[in-house]
N, C-alpha and C. Protein backbone atom coordinates (compact mmCIF):
# COMPACT_ATOMS: atom_id res chain seq x y z
N MET A 1 12.00 -107.19 -21.88
CA MET A 1 11.74 -108.48 -22.23
C MET A 1 10.16 -108.77 -22.48
N SER A 2 10.09 -109.68 -23.79
CA SER A 2 8.69 -110.05 -24.19
C SER A 2 8.52 -111.60 -24.29
N PHE A 3 7.16 -112.10 -23.87
CA PHE A 3 7.11 -113.46 -23.68
C PHE A 3 5.55 -113.53 -24.88
N ASN A 4 5.64 -114.54 -25.45
CA ASN A 4 4.67 -114.80 -26.55
C ASN A 4 4.10 -116.21 -25.91
N ILE A 5 3.06 -115.95 -25.09
CA ILE A 5 2.48 -117.14 -24.43
C ILE A 5 1.24 -117.32 -25.04
N SER A 6 1.15 -118.83 -25.75
CA SER A 6 -0.08 -119.47 -26.32
C SER A 6 -0.66 -120.31 -25.71
N TYR A 7 -1.84 -120.64 -26.07
CA TYR A 7 -2.40 -122.05 -25.39
C TYR A 7 -1.38 -123.02 -25.54
N ARG A 8 -0.81 -123.16 -26.55
CA ARG A 8 0.02 -124.25 -26.96
C ARG A 8 1.44 -124.36 -26.57
N SER A 9 1.88 -122.95 -26.06
CA SER A 9 3.08 -122.92 -25.43
C SER A 9 3.08 -123.63 -24.29
N SER A 10 4.48 -124.06 -23.80
CA SER A 10 4.61 -124.40 -22.22
C SER A 10 5.97 -123.97 -21.79
N LEU A 11 5.94 -123.31 -20.65
CA LEU A 11 7.03 -122.94 -20.05
C LEU A 11 7.78 -124.32 -19.27
N ASP A 12 9.15 -123.52 -19.12
CA ASP A 12 10.25 -124.69 -18.35
C ASP A 12 10.69 -123.69 -17.15
N LEU A 13 11.28 -124.63 -16.35
CA LEU A 13 11.73 -123.74 -15.29
C LEU A 13 12.87 -122.64 -15.54
N GLU A 14 13.60 -123.01 -16.92
CA GLU A 14 14.62 -121.74 -17.18
C GLU A 14 14.02 -120.47 -17.56
N SER A 15 12.94 -120.80 -18.19
CA SER A 15 12.09 -119.63 -18.58
C SER A 15 11.53 -118.54 -17.37
N VAL A 16 11.40 -119.17 -16.29
CA VAL A 16 11.10 -118.34 -15.19
C VAL A 16 12.14 -118.54 -13.96
N LYS A 17 13.19 -118.49 -14.56
CA LYS A 17 14.44 -118.64 -13.76
C LYS A 17 14.70 -117.46 -12.75
N THR A 18 14.30 -116.25 -13.32
CA THR A 18 14.74 -114.97 -12.67
C THR A 18 13.25 -114.02 -12.22
N PRO A 19 13.32 -113.54 -11.16
CA PRO A 19 12.03 -112.80 -10.85
C PRO A 19 11.43 -112.10 -11.75
N ASP A 20 12.27 -111.21 -12.49
CA ASP A 20 11.96 -110.41 -13.69
C ASP A 20 11.02 -110.79 -14.56
N ASN A 21 11.47 -112.30 -14.87
CA ASN A 21 10.95 -113.06 -16.16
C ASN A 21 9.64 -113.66 -15.45
N ILE A 22 9.40 -114.08 -14.43
CA ILE A 22 7.93 -114.16 -14.08
C ILE A 22 7.10 -113.32 -13.94
N VAL A 23 7.43 -111.93 -13.52
CA VAL A 23 6.83 -110.87 -13.36
C VAL A 23 6.59 -110.54 -14.82
N SER A 24 7.37 -110.40 -15.74
CA SER A 24 6.99 -110.12 -17.11
C SER A 24 5.97 -111.14 -17.89
N ILE A 25 6.07 -112.41 -17.54
CA ILE A 25 5.33 -113.63 -18.00
C ILE A 25 3.68 -113.32 -17.60
N LEU A 26 3.79 -112.75 -16.41
CA LEU A 26 2.55 -112.50 -15.62
C LEU A 26 1.71 -111.31 -16.24
N GLU A 27 2.71 -110.22 -16.49
CA GLU A 27 2.40 -109.19 -17.15
C GLU A 27 1.64 -108.95 -18.65
N ALA A 28 2.35 -110.04 -19.23
CA ALA A 28 2.17 -110.30 -20.72
C ALA A 28 0.80 -111.04 -20.70
N CYS A 29 0.49 -111.89 -19.62
CA CYS A 29 -0.95 -112.65 -19.53
C CYS A 29 -1.81 -111.57 -19.06
N SER A 30 -1.56 -110.63 -18.29
CA SER A 30 -2.92 -109.78 -17.82
C SER A 30 -3.10 -108.75 -18.75
N GLY A 31 -2.23 -108.55 -19.79
CA GLY A 31 -2.60 -107.32 -20.74
C GLY A 31 -1.99 -106.45 -20.23
N GLY A 32 -0.99 -106.14 -19.65
CA GLY A 32 -0.23 -105.02 -19.20
C GLY A 32 -1.27 -104.26 -18.46
N GLU A 33 -1.07 -103.05 -18.91
CA GLU A 33 -1.74 -101.68 -18.61
C GLU A 33 -3.06 -101.57 -19.07
N GLY A 34 -3.18 -102.07 -20.14
CA GLY A 34 -4.72 -102.12 -21.16
C GLY A 34 -5.53 -102.98 -20.52
N ARG A 35 -6.68 -102.92 -21.12
CA ARG A 35 -7.91 -103.78 -20.62
C ARG A 35 -8.10 -104.71 -22.05
N ILE A 36 -7.20 -105.53 -22.19
CA ILE A 36 -7.33 -106.60 -23.24
C ILE A 36 -7.54 -108.08 -22.61
N PRO A 37 -7.90 -109.19 -23.28
CA PRO A 37 -8.13 -110.26 -22.73
C PRO A 37 -6.80 -110.75 -22.22
N PRO A 38 -6.78 -111.31 -21.43
CA PRO A 38 -5.38 -112.24 -20.97
C PRO A 38 -5.00 -113.23 -21.90
N LYS A 39 -3.51 -113.30 -21.85
CA LYS A 39 -3.34 -114.42 -22.73
C LYS A 39 -3.43 -115.91 -22.04
N ARG A 40 -3.70 -116.77 -22.68
CA ARG A 40 -3.98 -117.78 -21.92
C ARG A 40 -2.86 -118.67 -21.32
N LEU A 41 -2.96 -119.49 -19.98
CA LEU A 41 -1.96 -120.19 -19.55
C LEU A 41 -2.38 -121.71 -19.50
N ARG A 42 -1.54 -122.49 -19.71
CA ARG A 42 -2.12 -123.85 -19.64
C ARG A 42 -1.76 -124.57 -18.36
N ILE A 43 -2.59 -125.31 -17.92
CA ILE A 43 -2.20 -125.95 -16.43
C ILE A 43 -0.80 -126.05 -16.27
N GLU A 44 -0.10 -126.59 -17.25
CA GLU A 44 1.53 -126.96 -17.01
C GLU A 44 2.12 -125.59 -16.63
N ASP A 45 1.86 -124.70 -17.64
CA ASP A 45 2.35 -123.30 -16.93
C ASP A 45 2.12 -122.64 -15.94
N ALA A 46 1.09 -122.85 -15.51
CA ALA A 46 0.63 -122.25 -14.14
C ALA A 46 1.44 -123.27 -12.91
N LYS A 47 1.60 -124.45 -13.09
CA LYS A 47 2.33 -125.19 -12.23
C LYS A 47 3.89 -124.91 -12.30
N VAL A 48 4.15 -124.66 -13.52
CA VAL A 48 5.56 -124.22 -13.29
C VAL A 48 5.78 -122.60 -12.87
N ILE A 49 5.14 -121.84 -12.95
CA ILE A 49 5.08 -120.61 -12.35
C ILE A 49 4.87 -120.71 -10.65
N VAL A 50 3.67 -121.38 -10.16
CA VAL A 50 3.77 -121.73 -8.95
C VAL A 50 4.88 -122.46 -8.30
N ASP A 51 5.56 -123.24 -9.08
CA ASP A 51 6.78 -124.04 -8.47
C ASP A 51 8.07 -122.81 -8.53
N ALA A 52 8.07 -122.03 -9.52
CA ALA A 52 9.07 -120.90 -9.41
C ALA A 52 8.84 -120.19 -8.31
N ILE A 53 7.88 -119.63 -7.92
CA ILE A 53 7.31 -118.75 -6.84
C ILE A 53 7.81 -119.39 -5.96
N VAL A 54 7.60 -120.62 -5.48
CA VAL A 54 7.69 -121.38 -4.10
C VAL A 54 9.31 -121.56 -4.00
N LYS A 55 10.12 -122.00 -5.14
CA LYS A 55 11.53 -122.24 -5.26
C LYS A 55 12.53 -120.93 -5.28
N ASN A 56 11.93 -119.98 -5.62
CA ASN A 56 13.07 -118.84 -5.94
C ASN A 56 13.34 -118.10 -4.88
N ASN A 57 14.28 -118.18 -4.28
CA ASN A 57 14.66 -117.63 -3.23
C ASN A 57 15.16 -115.97 -3.46
N SER A 58 15.03 -115.51 -4.91
CA SER A 58 15.62 -114.20 -4.80
C SER A 58 14.18 -113.20 -5.34
N LEU A 59 13.23 -113.99 -5.20
CA LEU A 59 11.83 -113.00 -5.27
C LEU A 59 11.82 -111.98 -4.10
N GLY A 60 11.70 -110.88 -4.32
CA GLY A 60 11.70 -109.86 -3.27
C GLY A 60 10.11 -109.56 -2.89
N ILE A 61 9.79 -108.62 -2.12
CA ILE A 61 8.48 -108.21 -1.79
C ILE A 61 7.91 -107.49 -3.25
N GLU A 62 8.82 -106.59 -3.70
CA GLU A 62 8.22 -105.82 -4.86
C GLU A 62 7.70 -106.86 -6.11
N HIS A 63 8.72 -108.06 -6.00
CA HIS A 63 8.32 -108.95 -7.16
C HIS A 63 7.01 -109.64 -6.79
N LEU A 64 6.92 -110.15 -5.91
CA LEU A 64 5.88 -110.72 -5.12
C LEU A 64 4.55 -109.87 -5.21
N GLU A 65 4.65 -108.63 -4.86
CA GLU A 65 3.24 -107.87 -5.06
C GLU A 65 3.01 -107.61 -6.54
N LYS A 66 3.94 -107.52 -7.54
CA LYS A 66 3.97 -107.35 -8.92
C LYS A 66 2.96 -108.98 -9.49
N ILE A 67 3.73 -109.82 -9.19
CA ILE A 67 2.93 -111.13 -9.50
C ILE A 67 1.59 -111.19 -9.15
N ILE A 68 1.41 -110.74 -7.83
CA ILE A 68 -0.21 -110.67 -7.14
C ILE A 68 -0.94 -109.88 -8.03
N SER A 69 -0.33 -108.83 -8.45
CA SER A 69 -1.38 -107.84 -8.88
C SER A 69 -1.52 -108.24 -10.34
N HIS A 70 -0.63 -108.53 -11.12
CA HIS A 70 -1.12 -109.29 -12.58
C HIS A 70 -1.73 -110.37 -12.66
N ALA A 71 -1.65 -111.03 -11.81
CA ALA A 71 -2.47 -112.47 -11.73
C ALA A 71 -3.71 -112.05 -11.18
N GLN A 72 -3.96 -111.18 -10.34
CA GLN A 72 -5.31 -110.86 -9.85
C GLN A 72 -5.69 -110.47 -10.72
N LYS A 73 -5.23 -109.53 -11.80
CA LYS A 73 -6.06 -108.63 -12.84
C LYS A 73 -6.64 -109.88 -13.86
N SER A 74 -5.70 -110.85 -14.34
CA SER A 74 -5.97 -111.54 -15.02
C SER A 74 -7.41 -112.73 -14.58
N SER A 75 -7.11 -112.85 -13.28
CA SER A 75 -8.29 -113.43 -12.65
C SER A 75 -9.58 -112.86 -12.73
N GLU A 76 -9.51 -111.77 -12.27
CA GLU A 76 -10.89 -110.89 -12.25
C GLU A 76 -11.43 -110.82 -13.62
N TYR A 77 -10.56 -110.84 -14.54
CA TYR A 77 -11.15 -110.30 -16.22
C TYR A 77 -11.79 -111.81 -16.24
N CYS A 78 -11.01 -113.05 -16.19
CA CYS A 78 -11.83 -114.40 -16.55
C CYS A 78 -13.18 -114.70 -15.61
N TRP A 79 -12.82 -114.09 -14.42
CA TRP A 79 -14.39 -114.16 -13.62
C TRP A 79 -15.45 -113.37 -14.41
N GLU A 80 -15.41 -112.22 -14.88
CA GLU A 80 -16.01 -111.35 -15.24
C GLU A 80 -16.38 -112.13 -16.50
N VAL A 81 -15.46 -112.38 -17.43
CA VAL A 81 -15.82 -112.82 -18.56
C VAL A 81 -16.78 -114.14 -18.63
N GLU A 82 -16.60 -114.84 -17.60
CA GLU A 82 -17.10 -116.33 -17.46
C GLU A 82 -18.41 -116.15 -17.08
N GLU A 83 -18.90 -115.06 -16.58
CA GLU A 83 -20.45 -114.73 -16.49
C GLU A 83 -21.14 -114.35 -17.99
N GLU A 84 -20.50 -113.76 -18.85
CA GLU A 84 -21.01 -113.36 -19.88
C GLU A 84 -21.12 -114.26 -21.23
N VAL A 85 -19.85 -114.99 -21.26
CA VAL A 85 -20.08 -116.15 -22.40
C VAL A 85 -20.90 -117.26 -22.57
N GLY A 86 -21.12 -117.84 -21.37
CA GLY A 86 -21.96 -118.81 -21.77
C GLY A 86 -21.35 -120.33 -22.15
N LEU A 87 -21.09 -120.66 -23.51
CA LEU A 87 -20.53 -121.76 -23.81
C LEU A 87 -18.99 -122.00 -23.41
N ASN A 88 -18.34 -121.02 -23.47
CA ASN A 88 -17.10 -121.19 -23.04
C ASN A 88 -16.69 -120.69 -21.33
N ALA A 89 -17.70 -120.69 -20.83
CA ALA A 89 -17.68 -120.43 -19.29
C ALA A 89 -16.69 -121.29 -18.56
N ILE A 90 -16.51 -122.64 -18.99
CA ILE A 90 -15.81 -123.49 -18.35
C ILE A 90 -14.59 -123.36 -18.47
N GLU A 91 -14.11 -122.98 -19.74
CA GLU A 91 -12.48 -122.36 -19.86
C GLU A 91 -12.01 -121.37 -19.05
N TYR A 92 -12.98 -120.50 -19.23
CA TYR A 92 -12.77 -118.93 -18.07
C TYR A 92 -12.60 -119.41 -16.86
N ARG A 93 -13.46 -119.87 -16.57
CA ARG A 93 -13.52 -120.51 -14.63
C ARG A 93 -12.18 -121.27 -14.64
N ARG A 94 -11.95 -122.17 -15.75
CA ARG A 94 -10.33 -122.93 -15.43
C ARG A 94 -9.43 -121.82 -15.35
N LEU A 95 -9.30 -120.90 -16.23
CA LEU A 95 -8.23 -119.88 -16.35
C LEU A 95 -8.22 -119.03 -14.86
N ALA A 96 -9.42 -118.58 -14.63
CA ALA A 96 -9.25 -117.96 -13.66
C ALA A 96 -8.70 -118.61 -11.95
N ARG A 97 -9.20 -120.08 -12.07
CA ARG A 97 -8.45 -120.68 -11.09
C ARG A 97 -6.98 -120.90 -10.91
N LEU A 98 -6.45 -120.92 -12.27
CA LEU A 98 -5.09 -120.86 -12.46
C LEU A 98 -4.54 -119.70 -11.74
N TYR A 99 -4.99 -118.74 -12.37
CA TYR A 99 -4.36 -117.34 -11.96
C TYR A 99 -4.63 -117.25 -10.48
N ASP A 100 -5.93 -117.67 -9.63
CA ASP A 100 -6.04 -117.64 -8.61
C ASP A 100 -5.06 -118.35 -7.38
N SER A 101 -4.65 -119.60 -8.10
CA SER A 101 -3.69 -120.38 -7.29
C SER A 101 -2.13 -119.71 -7.51
N ILE A 102 -2.05 -118.93 -8.55
CA ILE A 102 -0.65 -118.18 -8.49
C ILE A 102 -0.74 -117.11 -7.27
N VAL A 103 -2.25 -116.44 -7.36
CA VAL A 103 -2.15 -115.26 -6.48
C VAL A 103 -1.93 -115.90 -4.94
N ALA A 104 -2.47 -117.06 -4.63
CA ALA A 104 -2.46 -117.58 -3.30
C ALA A 104 -0.82 -118.30 -3.02
N THR A 105 -0.42 -118.68 -3.99
CA THR A 105 0.88 -118.94 -3.43
C THR A 105 2.07 -117.84 -3.50
N ALA A 106 1.84 -116.66 -4.17
CA ALA A 106 2.72 -115.44 -3.86
C ALA A 106 2.21 -115.14 -2.61
N GLU A 107 0.98 -114.81 -1.98
CA GLU A 107 0.49 -114.17 -1.05
C GLU A 107 1.12 -114.94 0.13
N ARG A 108 1.22 -116.37 0.07
CA ARG A 108 1.62 -117.23 1.26
C ARG A 108 3.36 -116.83 1.35
N LYS A 109 3.94 -116.90 0.23
CA LYS A 109 5.26 -116.58 0.09
C LYS A 109 5.52 -115.51 0.49
N LEU A 110 4.65 -114.26 0.43
CA LEU A 110 4.82 -112.96 0.83
C LEU A 110 4.56 -112.84 2.43
N ALA A 111 3.55 -113.47 2.72
CA ALA A 111 3.39 -113.59 4.33
C ALA A 111 4.62 -114.17 4.82
N SER A 112 5.07 -115.36 4.64
CA SER A 112 6.16 -115.93 5.08
C SER A 112 7.41 -114.97 5.17
N MET A 113 7.57 -114.43 4.20
CA MET A 113 8.86 -113.49 4.12
C MET A 113 8.47 -112.28 5.32
N SER A 114 7.06 -111.87 5.32
CA SER A 114 6.92 -110.87 6.37
C SER A 114 6.94 -111.27 7.74
N MET A 115 6.63 -112.72 8.14
CA MET A 115 6.92 -113.31 9.35
C MET A 115 8.42 -113.45 9.76
N CYS A 116 9.11 -113.91 8.94
CA CYS A 116 10.70 -113.98 9.06
C CYS A 116 11.49 -112.96 9.22
N SER A 117 10.74 -111.83 8.60
CA SER A 117 11.54 -110.25 8.83
C SER A 117 11.29 -109.76 9.93
N SER A 118 10.01 -110.04 10.62
CA SER A 118 9.48 -109.62 11.84
C SER A 118 10.26 -110.29 12.94
N ARG A 119 10.57 -111.50 12.62
CA ARG A 119 11.36 -112.43 13.60
C ARG A 119 12.72 -111.77 13.90
N GLU A 120 13.14 -111.47 12.64
CA GLU A 120 14.49 -111.10 12.55
C GLU A 120 14.44 -109.90 13.50
N LEU A 121 13.70 -109.11 13.28
CA LEU A 121 13.47 -107.81 14.16
C LEU A 121 13.11 -107.83 15.50
N LYS A 122 12.79 -108.70 16.25
CA LYS A 122 12.38 -108.73 17.41
C LYS A 122 13.54 -108.89 18.27
N PRO A 123 14.82 -109.51 18.09
CA PRO A 123 15.58 -109.71 18.98
C PRO A 123 16.40 -108.45 19.06
N GLU A 124 16.55 -107.66 18.21
CA GLU A 124 17.26 -106.37 17.99
C GLU A 124 16.41 -105.25 18.90
N GLU A 125 14.98 -105.40 18.71
CA GLU A 125 14.10 -104.41 19.43
C GLU A 125 14.49 -104.77 21.06
N SER A 126 14.47 -105.94 21.17
CA SER A 126 14.73 -106.34 22.63
C SER A 126 16.04 -105.82 23.38
N GLN A 127 17.16 -105.70 22.34
CA GLN A 127 18.28 -105.19 22.68
C GLN A 127 18.18 -103.69 22.88
N VAL A 128 17.46 -103.15 22.14
CA VAL A 128 17.42 -101.58 22.08
C VAL A 128 16.92 -101.32 23.48
N GLY A 129 15.90 -102.05 23.90
CA GLY A 129 15.48 -101.67 25.27
C GLY A 129 16.06 -101.48 26.36
N SER A 130 17.22 -102.63 26.32
CA SER A 130 18.16 -102.62 27.34
C SER A 130 19.14 -101.72 27.81
């Protein structure tokens, strides 16, 4: 699955309906495995992705880890370039912050999932000891 995200495009909730779509979009934005400039996300696109991360109950730990990885890669690239480019620094700083917000949202959801699963295990552990 391939997504062409340009500065002018805008995502909707339908385009980020499945966990794989969210991961694919962020992978495209991060440049995948290569070291190329990430594609740009608009503020509206980032908000849709953050909203999808929060509302999508089918996101698993593996999906969240991939989301975090791709968004961190894009953010790191933007912060590095921001130091080098001068005039366009504001644009790269804005992009880096968008990716940072995606990372923070995914990390919070991942932490929440971890806490829920550890709470579910505790009653079983207490029964095993009896």
